[in-house]
């Protein structure tokens, strides 16, 4: 499995708070008057200034992002590719997780943020800028000699990449398992669940306010990785790039 050496920082929730003016315009155009009746009183979107104020309110913003017409617009409107990855990934991940029984906005934001963190390395394949790469075995080796703080960061990164590989690149994992005797999805699920569980019990997770997110992902890893299958077939922001070698270490 591969990781860009430039992505060394811990992934934090960034999608809902990272919406751009172009995202706001797209949301307003997609929803129009189509907000669900139960939320209509809070999310009336008449007028651009009023709509901007609505998006500035976290609770109202979350209600707007949950609206089914927004998801449909992202999937059906060609202009959707011009929105930020924050909006695109969050809305689609959020709906996929909710449909699978994981109704937690923070978890959806985190999973989407993992996608955002890795999109730049492959969003522009024509540039050839892929960065230095690490395999899973390298991360595991680093963890053996690492201190407590470094082990936490390496473990979270390992879990994030296991989720990314098993979700977005599951077909490649299956292919390499069949033809190269490489580790299968079960291996990545075990790695991801183990290291999210360990991270969720670490003091640093509490400091970063991510303990509940890690704990939930440890329990719901198979659900979360299946929620990412869509992106394996529609790599809009990942640029259709392959992680050949990601599913199977050094094989």
C-alpha atoms as a PDB file:
ATOM      1  CA  UNK A   1       0.000   0.000   0.000  1.00  0.00           C
ATOM      2  CA  UNK A   2       1.327   3.443  -0.855  1.00  0.00           C
ATOM      3  CA  UNK A   3       1.515   6.715   1.014  1.00  0.00           C
ATOM      4  CA  UNK A   4       2.829  10.044  -0.157  1.00  0.00           C
ATOM      5  CA  UNK A   5       5.722  11.103   2.049  1.00  0.00           C
ATOM      6  CA  UNK A   6       4.354  14.640   2.042  1.00  0.00           C
ATOM      7  CA  UNK A   7       1.214  13.566   3.855  1.00  0.00           C
ATOM      8  CA  UNK A   8       2.755  13.246   7.300  1.00  0.00           C
ATOM      9  CA  UNK A   9       0.249  15.246   9.317  1.00  0.00           C
ATOM     10  CA  UNK A  10      -2.628  13.668  11.175  1.00  0.00           C
ATOM     11  CA  UNK A  11      -5.856  13.838   9.191  1.00  0.00           C
ATOM     12  CA  UNK A  12      -8.312  16.194  10.879  1.00  0.00           C
ATOM     13  CA  UNK A  13     -11.958  16.970  10.144  1.00  0.00           C
ATOM     14  CA  UNK A  14     -11.805  19.525   7.344  1.00  0.00           C
ATOM     15  CA  UNK A  15     -14.650  19.040   4.892  1.00  0.00           C
ATOM     16  CA  UNK A  16     -17.656  20.764   6.429  1.00  0.00           C
ATOM     17  CA  UNK A  17     -15.539  23.685   7.576  1.00  0.00           C
ATOM     18  CA  UNK A  18     -13.686  23.893   4.255  1.00  0.00           C
ATOM     19  CA  UNK A  19     -16.559  24.761   1.909  1.00  0.00           C
ATOM     20  CA  UNK A  20     -15.660  27.349  -0.721  1.00  0.00           C
ATOM     21  CA  UNK A  21     -17.727  30.173  -2.255  1.00  0.00           C
ATOM     22  CA  UNK A  22     -18.122  27.994  -5.362  1.00  0.00           C
ATOM     23  CA  UNK A  23     -19.470  25.213  -3.133  1.00  0.00           C
ATOM     24  CA  UNK A  24     -21.970  27.615  -1.566  1.00  0.00           C
ATOM     25  CA  UNK A  25     -23.174  28.687  -5.007  1.00  0.00           C
ATOM     26  CA  UNK A  26     -23.526  25.068  -6.106  1.00  0.00           C
ATOM     27  CA  UNK A  27     -25.449  24.116  -2.958  1.00  0.00           C
ATOM     28  CA  UNK A  28     -27.815  27.036  -3.373  1.00  0.00           C
ATOM     29  CA  UNK A  29     -28.446  26.207  -7.013  1.00  0.00           C
ATOM     30  CA  UNK A  30     -28.899  22.501  -6.292  1.00  0.00           C
ATOM     31  CA  UNK A  31     -31.352  22.970  -3.462  1.00  0.00           C
ATOM     32  CA  UNK A  32     -33.369  25.952  -4.615  1.00  0.00           C
ATOM     33  CA  UNK A  33     -36.665  25.439  -2.835  1.00  0.00           C
ATOM     34  CA  UNK A  34     -36.166  21.701  -2.583  1.00  0.00           C
ATOM     35  CA  UNK A  35     -35.294  21.479   1.096  1.00  0.00           C
ATOM     36  CA  UNK A  36     -37.256  18.874   3.027  1.00  0.00           C
ATOM     37  CA  UNK A  37     -40.332  20.269   4.738  1.00  0.00           C
ATOM     38  CA  UNK A  38     -39.156  19.350   8.250  1.00  0.00           C
ATOM     39  CA  UNK A  39     -36.091  21.560   7.803  1.00  0.00           C
ATOM     40  CA  UNK A  40     -37.613  24.267   5.627  1.00  0.00           C
ATOM     41  CA  UNK A  41     -38.109  26.737   8.444  1.00  0.00           C
ATOM     42  CA  UNK A  42     -34.420  26.669   9.368  1.00  0.00           C
ATOM     43  CA  UNK A  43     -33.041  26.392   5.855  1.00  0.00           C
ATOM     44  CA  UNK A  44     -34.995  28.876   3.776  1.00  0.00           C
ATOM     45  CA  UNK A  45     -32.487  29.915   1.101  1.00  0.00           C
ATOM     46  CA  UNK A  46     -34.055  32.969  -0.469  1.00  0.00           C
ATOM     47  CA  UNK A  47     -31.294  35.455  -1.258  1.00  0.00           C
ATOM     48  CA  UNK A  48     -27.536  34.944  -1.477  1.00  0.00           C
ATOM     49  CA  UNK A  49     -26.661  36.865   1.675  1.00  0.00           C
ATOM     50  CA  UNK A  50     -29.253  34.983   3.687  1.00  0.00           C
ATOM     51  CA  UNK A  51     -27.954  31.698   2.334  1.00  0.00           C
ATOM     52  CA  UNK A  52     -24.374  32.572   3.280  1.00  0.00           C
ATOM     53  CA  UNK A  53     -25.568  33.243   6.812  1.00  0.00           C
ATOM     54  CA  UNK A  54     -27.281  29.862   6.877  1.00  0.00           C
ATOM     55  CA  UNK A  55     -24.096  28.107   5.815  1.00  0.00           C
ATOM     56  CA  UNK A  56     -22.174  29.959   8.508  1.00  0.00           C
ATOM     57  CA  UNK A  57     -24.376  28.303  11.149  1.00  0.00           C
ATOM     58  CA  UNK A  58     -22.952  24.813  11.752  1.00  0.00           C
ATOM     59  CA  UNK A  59     -26.254  23.119  12.569  1.00  0.00           C
ATOM     60  CA  UNK A  60     -28.055  24.587   9.579  1.00  0.00           C
ATOM     61  CA  UNK A  61     -25.124  23.854   7.286  1.00  0.00           C
ATOM     62  CA  UNK A  62     -25.213  20.213   8.351  1.00  0.00           C
ATOM     63  CA  UNK A  63     -28.926  20.030   7.561  1.00  0.00           C
ATOM     64  CA  UNK A  64     -28.346  21.521   4.118  1.00  0.00           C
ATOM     65  CA  UNK A  65     -25.547  19.077   3.347  1.00  0.00           C
ATOM     66  CA  UNK A  66     -27.852  16.171   4.240  1.00  0.00           C
ATOM     67  CA  UNK A  67     -30.468  17.114   1.645  1.00  0.00           C
ATOM     68  CA  UNK A  68     -31.002  14.394  -1.012  1.00  0.00           C
ATOM     69  CA  UNK A  69     -31.267  16.916  -3.909  1.00  0.00           C
ATOM     70  CA  UNK A  70     -27.687  17.987  -3.231  1.00  0.00           C
ATOM     71  CA  UNK A  71     -26.399  14.444  -3.590  1.00  0.00           C
ATOM     72  CA  UNK A  72     -28.359  14.011  -6.810  1.00  0.00           C
ATOM     73  CA  UNK A  73     -26.953  17.250  -8.197  1.00  0.00           C
ATOM     74  CA  UNK A  74     -23.389  16.147  -7.447  1.00  0.00           C
ATOM     75  CA  UNK A  75     -23.956  12.861  -9.246  1.00  0.00           C
ATOM     76  CA  UNK A  76     -25.964  14.169 -12.188  1.00  0.00           C
ATOM     77  CA  UNK A  77     -24.670  17.670 -12.925  1.00  0.00           C
ATOM     78  CA  UNK A  78     -21.517  17.963 -15.068  1.00  0.00           C
ATOM     79  CA  UNK A  79     -20.686  21.222 -13.301  1.00  0.00           C
ATOM     80  CA  UNK A  80     -20.330  19.278 -10.060  1.00  0.00           C
ATOM     81  CA  UNK A  81     -16.738  18.451 -10.944  1.00  0.00           C
ATOM     82  CA  UNK A  82     -15.920  22.124 -10.349  1.00  0.00           C
ATOM     83  CA  UNK A  83     -16.893  22.004  -6.683  1.00  0.00           C
ATOM     84  CA  UNK A  84     -14.221  21.431  -4.068  1.00  0.00           C
ATOM     85  CA  UNK A  85     -13.290  17.920  -2.957  1.00  0.00           C
ATOM     86  CA  UNK A  86     -14.502  18.947   0.505  1.00  0.00           C
ATOM     87  CA  UNK A  87     -18.099  19.201  -0.668  1.00  0.00           C
ATOM     88  CA  UNK A  88     -17.962  16.348  -3.161  1.00  0.00           C
ATOM     89  CA  UNK A  89     -16.405  13.768  -0.854  1.00  0.00           C
ATOM     90  CA  UNK A  90     -18.325  14.759   2.262  1.00  0.00           C
ATOM     91  CA  UNK A  91     -21.809  14.663   0.749  1.00  0.00           C
ATOM     92  CA  UNK A  92     -21.308  11.347  -1.050  1.00  0.00           C
ATOM     93  CA  UNK A  93     -19.561   9.681   1.891  1.00  0.00           C
ATOM     94  CA  UNK A  94     -22.169  11.004   4.326  1.00  0.00           C
ATOM     95  CA  UNK A  95     -25.072   9.589   2.315  1.00  0.00           C
ATOM     96  CA  UNK A  96     -23.330   6.254   1.759  1.00  0.00           C
ATOM     97  CA  UNK A  97     -22.586   5.845   5.463  1.00  0.00           C
ATOM     98  CA  UNK A  98     -26.104   6.849   6.506  1.00  0.00           C
ATOM     99  CA  UNK A  99     -27.579   4.312   4.109  1.00  0.00           C
ATOM    100  CA  UNK A 100     -25.344   1.693   5.762  1.00  0.00           C
ATOM    101  CA  UNK A 101     -26.430   2.623   9.279  1.00  0.00           C
ATOM    102  CA  UNK A 102     -23.528   4.892  10.339  1.00  0.00           C
ATOM    103  CA  UNK A 103     -25.317   8.171  11.037  1.00  0.00           C
ATOM    104  CA  UNK A 104     -22.442  10.222  12.409  1.00  0.00           C
ATOM    105  CA  UNK A 105     -21.418  13.459  10.696  1.00  0.00           C
ATOM    106  CA  UNK A 106     -17.990  13.530  12.343  1.00  0.00           C
ATOM    107  CA  UNK A 107     -17.193  10.052  11.027  1.00  0.00           C
ATOM    108  CA  UNK A 108     -18.366  11.024   7.541  1.00  0.00           C
ATOM    109  CA  UNK A 109     -16.266  14.185   7.710  1.00  0.00           C
ATOM    110  CA  UNK A 110     -13.215  12.193   8.774  1.00  0.00           C
ATOM    111  CA  UNK A 111     -13.561   9.567   6.033  1.00  0.00           C
ATOM    112  CA  UNK A 112     -14.067  12.318   3.466  1.00  0.00           C
ATOM    113  CA  UNK A 113     -11.056  14.161   4.895  1.00  0.00           C
ATOM    114  CA  UNK A 114      -8.935  11.034   4.375  1.00  0.00           C
ATOM    115  CA  UNK A 115      -9.924  11.171   0.706  1.00  0.00           C
ATOM    116  CA  UNK A 116      -9.128  14.883   0.528  1.00  0.00           C
ATOM    117  CA  UNK A 117      -5.721  14.302   2.127  1.00  0.00           C
ATOM    118  CA  UNK A 118      -4.779  11.801  -0.553  1.00  0.00           C
ATOM    119  CA  UNK A 119      -6.406  13.431  -3.568  1.00  0.00           C
ATOM    120  CA  UNK A 120      -3.559  15.887  -4.377  1.00  0.00           C
ATOM    121  CA  UNK A 121      -1.037  13.102  -4.913  1.00  0.00           C
ATOM    122  CA  UNK A 122      -3.032  11.643  -7.790  1.00  0.00           C
ATOM    123  CA  UNK A 123      -5.469  14.328  -8.898  1.00  0.00           C
ATOM    124  CA  UNK A 124      -3.115  15.470 -11.645  1.00  0.00           C
ATOM    125  CA  UNK A 125      -1.502  12.316 -13.044  1.00  0.00           C
ATOM    126  CA  UNK A 126      -0.223  14.189 -16.103  1.00  0.00           C
ATOM    127  CA  UNK A 127       2.184  16.160 -13.907  1.00  0.00           C
ATOM    128  CA  UNK A 128       3.879  13.018 -12.705  1.00  0.00           C
ATOM    129  CA  UNK A 129       4.008  14.423  -9.169  1.00  0.00           C
ATOM    130  CA  UNK A 130       3.408  11.365  -7.032  1.00  0.00           C
ATOM    131  CA  UNK A 131       5.991  11.978  -4.287  1.00  0.00           C
ATOM    132  CA  UNK A 132       8.006   9.451  -2.321  1.00  0.00           C
ATOM    133  CA  UNK A 133       6.012   6.335  -1.501  1.00  0.00           C
ATOM    134  CA  UNK A 134       5.896   3.949   1.437  1.00  0.00           C
ATOM    135  CA  UNK A 135       4.514   0.439   1.663  1.00  0.00           C
ATOM    136  CA  UNK A 136       2.504  -0.965   4.547  1.00  0.00           C
ATOM    137  CA  UNK A 137       5.430  -3.138   5.556  1.00  0.00           C
ATOM    138  CA  UNK A 138       7.584  -0.007   5.875  1.00  0.00           C
ATOM    139  CA  UNK A 139       5.049   1.622   8.200  1.00  0.00           C
ATOM    140  CA  UNK A 140       4.827  -1.525  10.306  1.00  0.00           C
ATOM    141  CA  UNK A 141       8.614  -1.646  10.510  1.00  0.00           C
ATOM    142  CA  UNK A 142       8.761   2.005  11.557  1.00  0.00           C
ATOM    143  CA  UNK A 143       6.224   1.356  14.306  1.00  0.00           C
ATOM    144  CA  UNK A 144       8.401  -1.335  15.910  1.00  0.00           C
ATOM    145  CA  UNK A 145      11.096   1.155  16.856  1.00  0.00           C
ATOM    146  CA  UNK A 146       8.916   4.221  17.358  1.00  0.00           C
ATOM    147  CA  UNK A 147       8.097   6.047  20.550  1.00  0.00           C
ATOM    148  CA  UNK A 148       4.558   6.280  21.895  1.00  0.00           C
ATOM    149  CA  UNK A 149       3.654   9.516  20.088  1.00  0.00           C
ATOM    150  CA  UNK A 150       5.162   8.435  16.786  1.00  0.00           C
ATOM    151  CA  UNK A 151       3.483   5.036  17.029  1.00  0.00           C
ATOM    152  CA  UNK A 152       0.143   6.790  17.397  1.00  0.00           C
ATOM    153  CA  UNK A 153       0.681   8.870  14.262  1.00  0.00           C
ATOM    154  CA  UNK A 154       2.021   5.928  12.256  1.00  0.00           C
ATOM    155  CA  UNK A 155      -0.854   3.721  13.403  1.00  0.00           C
ATOM    156  CA  UNK A 156      -3.480   6.268  12.389  1.00  0.00           C
ATOM    157  CA  UNK A 157      -1.812   6.764   9.021  1.00  0.00           C
ATOM    158  CA  UNK A 158      -1.686   3.003   8.519  1.00  0.00           C
ATOM    159  CA  UNK A 159      -5.400   2.672   9.369  1.00  0.00           C
ATOM    160  CA  UNK A 160      -6.312   5.566   7.067  1.00  0.00           C
ATOM    161  CA  UNK A 161      -4.430   4.006   4.159  1.00  0.00           C
ATOM    162  CA  UNK A 162      -5.931   0.594   4.826  1.00  0.00           C
ATOM    163  CA  UNK A 163      -9.359   2.228   4.597  1.00  0.00           C
ATOM    164  CA  UNK A 164      -8.424   4.056   1.405  1.00  0.00           C
ATOM    165  CA  UNK A 165      -6.967   0.964  -0.261  1.00  0.00           C
ATOM    166  CA  UNK A 166      -9.768  -1.406   0.784  1.00  0.00           C
ATOM    167  CA  UNK A 167     -12.452   1.094  -0.158  1.00  0.00           C
ATOM    168  CA  UNK A 168     -11.259   2.878  -3.280  1.00  0.00           C
ATOM    169  CA  UNK A 169      -8.933   0.230  -4.673  1.00  0.00           C
ATOM    170  CA  UNK A 170     -10.720  -2.961  -3.639  1.00  0.00           C
ATOM    171  CA  UNK A 171     -10.813  -4.294  -7.200  1.00  0.00           C
ATOM    172  CA  UNK A 172      -7.048  -3.999  -7.462  1.00  0.00           C
ATOM    173  CA  UNK A 173      -6.646  -5.781  -4.133  1.00  0.00           C
ATOM    174  CA  UNK A 174      -8.836  -8.650  -5.324  1.00  0.00           C
ATOM    175  CA  UNK A 175      -6.946  -8.870  -8.614  1.00  0.00           C
ATOM    176  CA  UNK A 176      -3.551  -8.995  -6.912  1.00  0.00           C
ATOM    177  CA  UNK A 177      -4.823 -11.515  -4.395  1.00  0.00           C
ATOM    178  CA  UNK A 178      -5.911 -13.817  -7.222  1.00  0.00           C
ATOM    179  CA  UNK A 179      -2.918 -13.374  -9.509  1.00  0.00           C
ATOM    180  CA  UNK A 180      -0.003 -12.496  -7.235  1.00  0.00           C
ATOM    181  CA  UNK A 181      -0.903 -14.182  -3.933  1.00  0.00           C
ATOM    182  CA  UNK A 182      -0.998 -10.730  -2.334  1.00  0.00           C
ATOM    183  CA  UNK A 183      -2.933  -9.926   0.872  1.00  0.00           C
ATOM    184  CA  UNK A 184      -6.687  -9.678   0.394  1.00  0.00           C
ATOM    185  CA  UNK A 185      -9.343  -7.357   1.752  1.00  0.00           C
ATOM    186  CA  UNK A 186      -9.415  -9.255   5.031  1.00  0.00           C
ATOM    187  CA  UNK A 187      -5.829  -8.233   5.679  1.00  0.00           C
ATOM    188  CA  UNK A 188      -6.588  -4.551   5.139  1.00  0.00           C
ATOM    189  CA  UNK A 189      -9.723  -4.723   7.261  1.00  0.00           C
ATOM    190  CA  UNK A 190      -7.777  -6.349  10.091  1.00  0.00           C
ATOM    191  CA  UNK A 191      -5.001  -3.740   9.871  1.00  0.00           C
ATOM    192  CA  UNK A 192      -7.458  -0.855   9.721  1.00  0.00           C
ATOM    193  CA  UNK A 193      -9.683  -2.042  12.546  1.00  0.00           C
ATOM    194  CA  UNK A 194      -6.739  -2.872  14.805  1.00  0.00           C
ATOM    195  CA  UNK A 195      -5.020   0.464  14.432  1.00  0.00           C
ATOM    196  CA  UNK A 196      -8.182   2.556  14.638  1.00  0.00           C
ATOM    197  CA  UNK A 197      -9.031   0.698  17.842  1.00  0.00           C
ATOM    198  CA  UNK A 198      -5.563   1.334  19.293  1.00  0.00           C
ATOM    199  CA  UNK A 199      -5.724   4.977  18.232  1.00  0.00           C
ATOM    200  CA  UNK A 200      -9.148   5.398  19.822  1.00  0.00           C
ATOM    201  CA  UNK A 201      -7.744   4.439  23.203  1.00  0.00           C
ATOM    202  CA  UNK A 202      -4.733   6.745  22.997  1.00  0.00           C
ATOM    203  CA  UNK A 203      -4.505   9.963  24.999  1.00  0.00           C
ATOM    204  CA  UNK A 204      -3.621  11.920  21.852  1.00  0.00           C
ATOM    205  CA  UNK A 205      -6.935  10.925  20.291  1.00  0.00           C
ATOM    206  CA  UNK A 206      -8.695  12.669  23.162  1.00  0.00           C
ATOM    207  CA  UNK A 207      -6.556  15.775  22.705  1.00  0.00           C
ATOM    208  CA  UNK A 208      -7.449  15.884  19.018  1.00  0.00           C
ATOM    209  CA  UNK A 209     -11.108  15.052  19.822  1.00  0.00           C
ATOM    210  CA  UNK A 210     -10.985  12.065  17.484  1.00  0.00           C
ATOM    211  CA  UNK A 211     -11.356   9.179  19.926  1.00  0.00           C
ATOM    212  CA  UNK A 212     -15.034   8.581  19.057  1.00  0.00           C
ATOM    213  CA  UNK A 213     -14.286   8.741  15.338  1.00  0.00           C
ATOM    214  CA  UNK A 214     -11.492   6.173  15.626  1.00  0.00           C
ATOM    215  CA  UNK A 215     -13.566   3.906  17.839  1.00  0.00           C
ATOM    216  CA  UNK A 216     -16.504   4.040  15.435  1.00  0.00           C
ATOM    217  CA  UNK A 217     -14.284   3.262  12.451  1.00  0.00           C
ATOM    218  CA  UNK A 218     -12.741   0.330  14.302  1.00  0.00           C
ATOM    219  CA  UNK A 219     -16.225  -1.148  14.714  1.00  0.00           C
ATOM    220  CA  UNK A 220     -17.640  -0.111  11.339  1.00  0.00           C
ATOM    221  CA  UNK A 221     -14.562  -0.501   9.126  1.00  0.00           C
ATOM    222  CA  UNK A 222     -16.246  -2.902   6.637  1.00  0.00           C
ATOM    223  CA  UNK A 223     -19.181  -0.508   6.307  1.00  0.00           C
ATOM    224  CA  UNK A 224     -16.895   2.477   5.828  1.00  0.00           C
ATOM    225  CA  UNK A 225     -14.739   0.788   3.209  1.00  0.00           C
ATOM    226  CA  UNK A 226     -17.837  -0.318   1.249  1.00  0.00           C
ATOM    227  CA  UNK A 227     -19.048   3.289   1.371  1.00  0.00           C
ATOM    228  CA  UNK A 228     -15.874   4.195  -0.538  1.00  0.00           C
ATOM    229  CA  UNK A 229     -16.448   1.670  -3.331  1.00  0.00           C
ATOM    230  CA  UNK A 230     -18.194   4.384  -5.365  1.00  0.00           C
ATOM    231  CA  UNK A 231     -14.951   6.314  -5.603  1.00  0.00           C
ATOM    232  CA  UNK A 232     -13.159   3.261  -6.926  1.00  0.00           C
ATOM    233  CA  UNK A 233     -15.440   3.379  -9.951  1.00  0.00           C
ATOM    234  CA  UNK A 234     -15.696   7.173 -10.235  1.00  0.00           C
ATOM    235  CA  UNK A 235     -12.344   8.655  -9.322  1.00  0.00           C
ATOM    236  CA  UNK A 236     -13.255  12.261 -10.039  1.00  0.00           C
ATOM    237  CA  UNK A 237     -10.814  13.935  -7.691  1.00  0.00           C
ATOM    238  CA  UNK A 238      -8.368  11.045  -7.525  1.00  0.00           C
ATOM    239  CA  UNK A 239      -7.925  11.430 -11.259  1.00  0.00           C
ATOM    240  CA  UNK A 240      -8.460   7.762 -12.046  1.00  0.00           C
ATOM    241  CA  UNK A 241      -4.953   7.049 -10.781  1.00  0.00           C
ATOM    242  CA  UNK A 242      -3.951   3.520  -9.944  1.00  0.00           C
ATOM    243  CA  UNK A 243      -2.224   2.427  -6.786  1.00  0.00           C
ATOM    244  CA  UNK A 244      -0.568  -0.517  -8.479  1.00  0.00           C
ATOM    245  CA  UNK A 245       1.480  -2.101  -5.739  1.00  0.00           C
ATOM    246  CA  UNK A 246      -0.824  -0.822  -3.024  1.00  0.00           C
ATOM    247  CA  UNK A 247      -2.515  -4.171  -2.605  1.00  0.00           C
ATOM    248  CA  UNK A 248       0.217  -6.502  -1.715  1.00  0.00           C
ATOM    249  CA  UNK A 249       3.288  -4.821  -0.344  1.00  0.00           C
ATOM    250  CA  UNK A 250       6.407  -5.501  -2.385  1.00  0.00           C
ATOM    251  CA  UNK A 251       4.973  -8.153  -4.701  1.00  0.00           C
END
